[in-house]
């Protein structure tokens, strides 16, 4: 998405459909939506339960 605070109308509407309380803030100048492409993650589930997850993106 671009840095336009309004963003794509379709993405904005979808986000608001799932997060209705955000409607109070979505039109403020410092609010923007963005997309993250996660390549890997780590989880610390407690002592001896640390996991690494690597996802290959084609």
PDB file of N, CA and C in Angstrom:
ATOM      1  N   UNK A   1       0.832  -1.179   0.000  1.00  0.00           N
ATOM      2  CA  UNK A   1       0.000   0.000   0.000  1.00  0.00           C
ATOM      3  C   UNK A   1       0.876   1.241   0.000  1.00  0.00           C
ATOM      4  N   UNK A   2       0.342   2.312  -0.508  1.00  0.00           N
ATOM      5  CA  UNK A   2       1.061   3.572  -0.471  1.00  0.00           C
ATOM      6  C   UNK A   2       0.913   4.220   0.910  1.00  0.00           C
ATOM      7  N   UNK A   3       1.600   5.328   1.123  1.00  0.00           N
ATOM      8  CA  UNK A   3       1.542   6.012   2.421  1.00  0.00           C
ATOM      9  C   UNK A   3       0.293   6.861   2.589  1.00  0.00           C
ATOM     10  N   UNK A   4      -0.609   6.820   1.643  1.00  0.00           N
ATOM     11  CA  UNK A   4      -1.863   7.560   1.738  1.00  0.00           C
ATOM     12  C   UNK A   4      -2.618   7.073   2.969  1.00  0.00           C
ATOM     13  N   UNK A   5      -2.963   7.958   3.912  1.00  0.00           N
ATOM     14  CA  UNK A   5      -3.679   7.515   5.117  1.00  0.00           C
ATOM     15  C   UNK A   5      -4.989   6.800   4.807  1.00  0.00           C
ATOM     16  N   UNK A   6      -5.602   7.127   3.683  1.00  0.00           N
ATOM     17  CA  UNK A   6      -6.839   6.447   3.308  1.00  0.00           C
ATOM     18  C   UNK A   6      -6.543   5.065   2.730  1.00  0.00           C
ATOM     19  N   UNK A   7      -5.349   4.891   2.132  1.00  0.00           N
ATOM     20  CA  UNK A   7      -4.961   3.611   1.567  1.00  0.00           C
ATOM     21  C   UNK A   7      -5.916   3.142   0.487  1.00  0.00           C
ATOM     22  N   UNK A   8      -5.852   1.894   0.194  1.00  0.00           N
ATOM     23  CA  UNK A   8      -6.768   1.288  -0.763  1.00  0.00           C
ATOM     24  C   UNK A   8      -8.142   1.165  -0.107  1.00  0.00           C
ATOM     25  N   UNK A   9      -9.203   1.647  -0.756  1.00  0.00           N
ATOM     26  CA  UNK A   9     -10.540   1.560  -0.148  1.00  0.00           C
ATOM     27  C   UNK A   9     -10.957   0.123   0.190  1.00  0.00           C
ATOM     28  N   UNK A  10     -10.578  -0.836  -0.645  1.00  0.00           N
ATOM     29  CA  UNK A  10     -10.941  -2.235  -0.387  1.00  0.00           C
ATOM     30  C   UNK A  10     -10.243  -2.758   0.867  1.00  0.00           C
ATOM     31  N   UNK A  11      -8.957  -2.478   0.985  1.00  0.00           N
ATOM     32  CA  UNK A  11      -8.196  -2.946   2.149  1.00  0.00           C
ATOM     33  C   UNK A  11      -8.669  -2.231   3.412  1.00  0.00           C
ATOM     34  N   UNK A  12      -8.928  -0.939   3.291  1.00  0.00           N
ATOM     35  CA  UNK A  12      -9.426  -0.159   4.433  1.00  0.00           C
ATOM     36  C   UNK A  12     -10.753  -0.713   4.934  1.00  0.00           C
ATOM     37  N   UNK A  13     -11.677  -0.995   4.024  1.00  0.00           N
ATOM     38  CA  UNK A  13     -12.996  -1.528   4.394  1.00  0.00           C
ATOM     39  C   UNK A  13     -12.857  -2.907   5.047  1.00  0.00           C
ATOM     40  N   UNK A  14     -12.006  -3.743   4.478  1.00  0.00           N
ATOM     41  CA  UNK A  14     -11.798  -5.086   5.038  1.00  0.00           C
ATOM     42  C   UNK A  14     -11.220  -5.005   6.452  1.00  0.00           C
ATOM     43  N   UNK A  15     -10.256  -4.103   6.641  1.00  0.00           N
ATOM     44  CA  UNK A  15      -9.665  -3.934   7.966  1.00  0.00           C
ATOM     45  C   UNK A  15     -10.714  -3.465   8.966  1.00  0.00           C
ATOM     46  N   UNK A  16     -11.531  -2.504   8.577  1.00  0.00           N
ATOM     47  CA  UNK A  16     -12.572  -1.995   9.467  1.00  0.00           C
ATOM     48  C   UNK A  16     -13.646  -3.038   9.751  1.00  0.00           C
ATOM     49  N   UNK A  17     -13.928  -3.906   8.789  1.00  0.00           N
ATOM     50  CA  UNK A  17     -14.901  -4.979   9.018  1.00  0.00           C
ATOM     51  C   UNK A  17     -14.446  -5.915  10.132  1.00  0.00           C
ATOM     52  N   UNK A  18     -13.132  -6.122  10.244  1.00  0.00           N
ATOM     53  CA  UNK A  18     -12.587  -7.037  11.251  1.00  0.00           C
ATOM     54  C   UNK A  18     -12.161  -6.330  12.533  1.00  0.00           C
ATOM     55  N   UNK A  19     -12.023  -5.005  12.491  1.00  0.00           N
ATOM     56  CA  UNK A  19     -11.552  -4.231  13.646  1.00  0.00           C
ATOM     57  C   UNK A  19     -12.392  -2.970  13.782  1.00  0.00           C
ATOM     58  N   UNK A  20     -13.635  -3.122  14.164  1.00  0.00           N
ATOM     59  CA  UNK A  20     -14.578  -2.001  14.154  1.00  0.00           C
ATOM     60  C   UNK A  20     -14.183  -0.852  15.092  1.00  0.00           C
ATOM     61  N   UNK A  21     -13.488  -1.130  16.179  1.00  0.00           N
ATOM     62  CA  UNK A  21     -13.102  -0.070  17.117  1.00  0.00           C
ATOM     63  C   UNK A  21     -12.064   0.884  16.528  1.00  0.00           C
ATOM     64  N   UNK A  22     -11.394   0.468  15.477  1.00  0.00           N
ATOM     65  CA  UNK A  22     -10.373   1.296  14.839  1.00  0.00           C
ATOM     66  C   UNK A  22     -10.998   2.443  14.050  1.00  0.00           C
ATOM     67  N   UNK A  23     -12.290   2.390  13.798  1.00  0.00           N
ATOM     68  CA  UNK A  23     -12.967   3.440  13.026  1.00  0.00           C
ATOM     69  C   UNK A  23     -12.742   4.821  13.633  1.00  0.00           C
ATOM     70  N   UNK A  24     -12.505   4.891  14.937  1.00  0.00           N
ATOM     71  CA  UNK A  24     -12.236   6.171  15.594  1.00  0.00           C
ATOM     72  C   UNK A  24     -10.891   6.762  15.174  1.00  0.00           C
ATOM     73  N   UNK A  25      -9.953   5.914  14.772  1.00  0.00           N
ATOM     74  CA  UNK A  25      -8.586   6.345  14.525  1.00  0.00           C
ATOM     75  C   UNK A  25      -8.160   6.291  13.065  1.00  0.00           C
ATOM     76  N   UNK A  26      -8.869   5.549  12.240  1.00  0.00           N
ATOM     77  CA  UNK A  26      -8.403   5.272  10.881  1.00  0.00           C
ATOM     78  C   UNK A  26      -8.273   6.526  10.015  1.00  0.00           C
ATOM     79  N   UNK A  27      -8.989   7.574  10.319  1.00  0.00           N
ATOM     80  CA  UNK A  27      -8.914   8.794   9.519  1.00  0.00           C
ATOM     81  C   UNK A  27      -7.921   9.820  10.058  1.00  0.00           C
ATOM     82  N   UNK A  28      -7.216   9.496  11.130  1.00  0.00           N
ATOM     83  CA  UNK A  28      -6.194  10.401  11.653  1.00  0.00           C
ATOM     84  C   UNK A  28      -4.981  10.412  10.717  1.00  0.00           C
ATOM     85  N   UNK A  29      -4.261  11.499  10.693  1.00  0.00           N
ATOM     86  CA  UNK A  29      -3.144  11.661   9.770  1.00  0.00           C
ATOM     87  C   UNK A  29      -1.978  10.717   9.979  1.00  0.00           C
ATOM     88  N   UNK A  30      -1.790  10.212  11.194  1.00  0.00           N
ATOM     89  CA  UNK A  30      -0.645   9.341  11.456  1.00  0.00           C
ATOM     90  C   UNK A  30      -1.012   7.858  11.446  1.00  0.00           C
ATOM     91  N   UNK A  31      -2.192   7.516  10.957  1.00  0.00           N
ATOM     92  CA  UNK A  31      -2.623   6.120  10.881  1.00  0.00           C
ATOM     93  C   UNK A  31      -2.420   5.628   9.459  1.00  0.00           C
ATOM     94  N   UNK A  32      -1.769   4.480   9.289  1.00  0.00           N
ATOM     95  CA  UNK A  32      -1.653   3.892   7.955  1.00  0.00           C
ATOM     96  C   UNK A  32      -1.663   2.375   8.076  1.00  0.00           C
ATOM     97  N   UNK A  33      -2.089   1.738   7.012  1.00  0.00           N
ATOM     98  CA  UNK A  33      -2.108   0.281   6.928  1.00  0.00           C
ATOM     99  C   UNK A  33      -0.909  -0.164   6.109  1.00  0.00           C
ATOM    100  N   UNK A  34      -0.340  -1.306   6.461  1.00  0.00           N
ATOM    101  CA  UNK A  34       0.789  -1.823   5.701  1.00  0.00           C
ATOM    102  C   UNK A  34       0.746  -3.338   5.728  1.00  0.00           C
ATOM    103  N   UNK A  35       1.485  -3.952   4.837  1.00  0.00           N
ATOM    104  CA  UNK A  35       1.525  -5.405   4.697  1.00  0.00           C
ATOM    105  C   UNK A  35       2.915  -5.891   5.091  1.00  0.00           C
ATOM    106  N   UNK A  36       2.970  -6.914   5.927  1.00  0.00           N
ATOM    107  CA  UNK A  36       4.235  -7.530   6.316  1.00  0.00           C
ATOM    108  C   UNK A  36       4.348  -8.894   5.648  1.00  0.00           C
ATOM    109  N   UNK A  37       5.494  -9.177   5.074  1.00  0.00           N
ATOM    110  CA  UNK A  37       5.773 -10.494   4.512  1.00  0.00           C
ATOM    111  C   UNK A  37       6.742 -11.186   5.472  1.00  0.00           C
ATOM    112  N   UNK A  38       6.240 -12.079   6.285  1.00  0.00           N
ATOM    113  CA  UNK A  38       7.045 -12.756   7.304  1.00  0.00           C
ATOM    114  C   UNK A  38       7.878 -13.845   6.642  1.00  0.00           C
ATOM    115  N   UNK A  39       9.182 -13.802   6.859  1.00  0.00           N
ATOM    116  CA  UNK A  39      10.083 -14.801   6.300  1.00  0.00           C
ATOM    117  C   UNK A  39      10.475 -15.852   7.325  1.00  0.00           C
ATOM    118  N   UNK A  40      10.516 -15.489   8.599  1.00  0.00           N
ATOM    119  CA  UNK A  40      10.816 -16.455   9.650  1.00  0.00           C
ATOM    120  C   UNK A  40      10.313 -15.897  10.976  1.00  0.00           C
ATOM    121  N   UNK A  41      10.227 -16.785  11.966  1.00  0.00           N
ATOM    122  CA  UNK A  41       9.757 -16.370  13.284  1.00  0.00           C
ATOM    123  C   UNK A  41      10.396 -17.262  14.338  1.00  0.00           C
ATOM    124  N   UNK A  42      10.488 -16.753  15.547  1.00  0.00           N
ATOM    125  CA  UNK A  42      10.998 -17.522  16.680  1.00  0.00           C
ATOM    126  C   UNK A  42       9.952 -17.517  17.779  1.00  0.00           C
ATOM    127  N   UNK A  43       9.839 -18.634  18.482  1.00  0.00           N
ATOM    128  CA  UNK A  43       8.895 -18.749  19.585  1.00  0.00           C
ATOM    129  C   UNK A  43       9.624 -19.300  20.790  1.00  0.00           C
ATOM    130  N   UNK A  44       9.543 -18.589  21.906  1.00  0.00           N
ATOM    131  CA  UNK A  44      10.105 -19.084  23.147  1.00  0.00           C
ATOM    132  C   UNK A  44       8.938 -19.549  23.998  1.00  0.00           C
ATOM    133  N   UNK A  45       8.714 -20.861  24.042  1.00  0.00           N
ATOM    134  CA  UNK A  45       7.588 -21.424  24.770  1.00  0.00           C
ATOM    135  C   UNK A  45       7.929 -21.800  26.202  1.00  0.00           C
ATOM    136  N   UNK A  46       9.025 -21.284  26.728  1.00  0.00           N
ATOM    137  CA  UNK A  46       9.431 -21.621  28.080  1.00  0.00           C
ATOM    138  C   UNK A  46      10.738 -22.400  28.061  1.00  0.00           C
ATOM    139  N   UNK A  47      11.166 -22.852  29.221  1.00  0.00           N
ATOM    140  CA  UNK A  47      12.445 -23.549  29.344  1.00  0.00           C
ATOM    141  C   UNK A  47      12.479 -24.789  28.449  1.00  0.00           C
ATOM    142  N   UNK A  48      13.453 -24.847  27.550  1.00  0.00           N
ATOM    143  CA  UNK A  48      13.625 -26.011  26.687  1.00  0.00           C
ATOM    144  C   UNK A  48      12.604 -26.127  25.569  1.00  0.00           C
ATOM    145  N   UNK A  49      11.835 -25.076  25.306  1.00  0.00           N
ATOM    146  CA  UNK A  49      10.804 -25.167  24.275  1.00  0.00           C
ATOM    147  C   UNK A  49      10.917 -24.040  23.251  1.00  0.00           C
ATOM    148  N   UNK A  50      12.109 -23.639  22.904  1.00  0.00           N
ATOM    149  CA  UNK A  50      12.301 -22.599  21.892  1.00  0.00           C
ATOM    150  C   UNK A  50      12.212 -23.234  20.512  1.00  0.00           C
ATOM    151  N   UNK A  51      11.472 -22.612  19.622  1.00  0.00           N
ATOM    152  CA  UNK A  51      11.273 -23.131  18.271  1.00  0.00           C
ATOM    153  C   UNK A  51      11.624 -22.066  17.246  1.00  0.00           C
ATOM    154  N   UNK A  52      12.133 -22.490  16.105  1.00  0.00           N
ATOM    155  CA  UNK A  52      12.352 -21.596  14.974  1.00  0.00           C
ATOM    156  C   UNK A  52      11.485 -22.068  13.829  1.00  0.00           C
ATOM    157  N   UNK A  53      10.897 -21.138  13.137  1.00  0.00           N
ATOM    158  CA  UNK A  53      10.069 -21.462  11.983  1.00  0.00           C
ATOM    159  C   UNK A  53      10.585 -20.662  10.804  1.00  0.00           C
ATOM    160  N   UNK A  54      10.935 -21.349   9.735  1.00  0.00           N
ATOM    161  CA  UNK A  54      11.396 -20.682   8.523  1.00  0.00           C
ATOM    162  C   UNK A  54      10.445 -21.056   7.402  1.00  0.00           C
ATOM    163  N   UNK A  55       9.909 -20.041   6.749  1.00  0.00           N
ATOM    164  CA  UNK A  55       8.978 -20.265   5.650  1.00  0.00           C
ATOM    165  C   UNK A  55       9.625 -19.741   4.377  1.00  0.00           C
ATOM    166  N   UNK A  56       9.754 -20.584   3.402  1.00  0.00           N
ATOM    167  CA  UNK A  56      10.325 -20.178   2.128  1.00  0.00           C
ATOM    168  C   UNK A  56       9.226 -19.540   1.290  1.00  0.00           C
ATOM    169  N   UNK A  57       9.478 -18.350   0.816  1.00  0.00           N
ATOM    170  CA  UNK A  57       8.508 -17.636  -0.003  1.00  0.00           C
ATOM    171  C   UNK A  57       8.961 -17.702  -1.449  1.00  0.00           C
ATOM    172  N   UNK A  58       8.089 -18.235  -2.291  1.00  0.00           N
ATOM    173  CA  UNK A  58       8.426 -18.387  -3.718  1.00  0.00           C
ATOM    174  C   UNK A  58       8.191 -17.099  -4.459  1.00  0.00           C
TER     175      UNK A  58
END
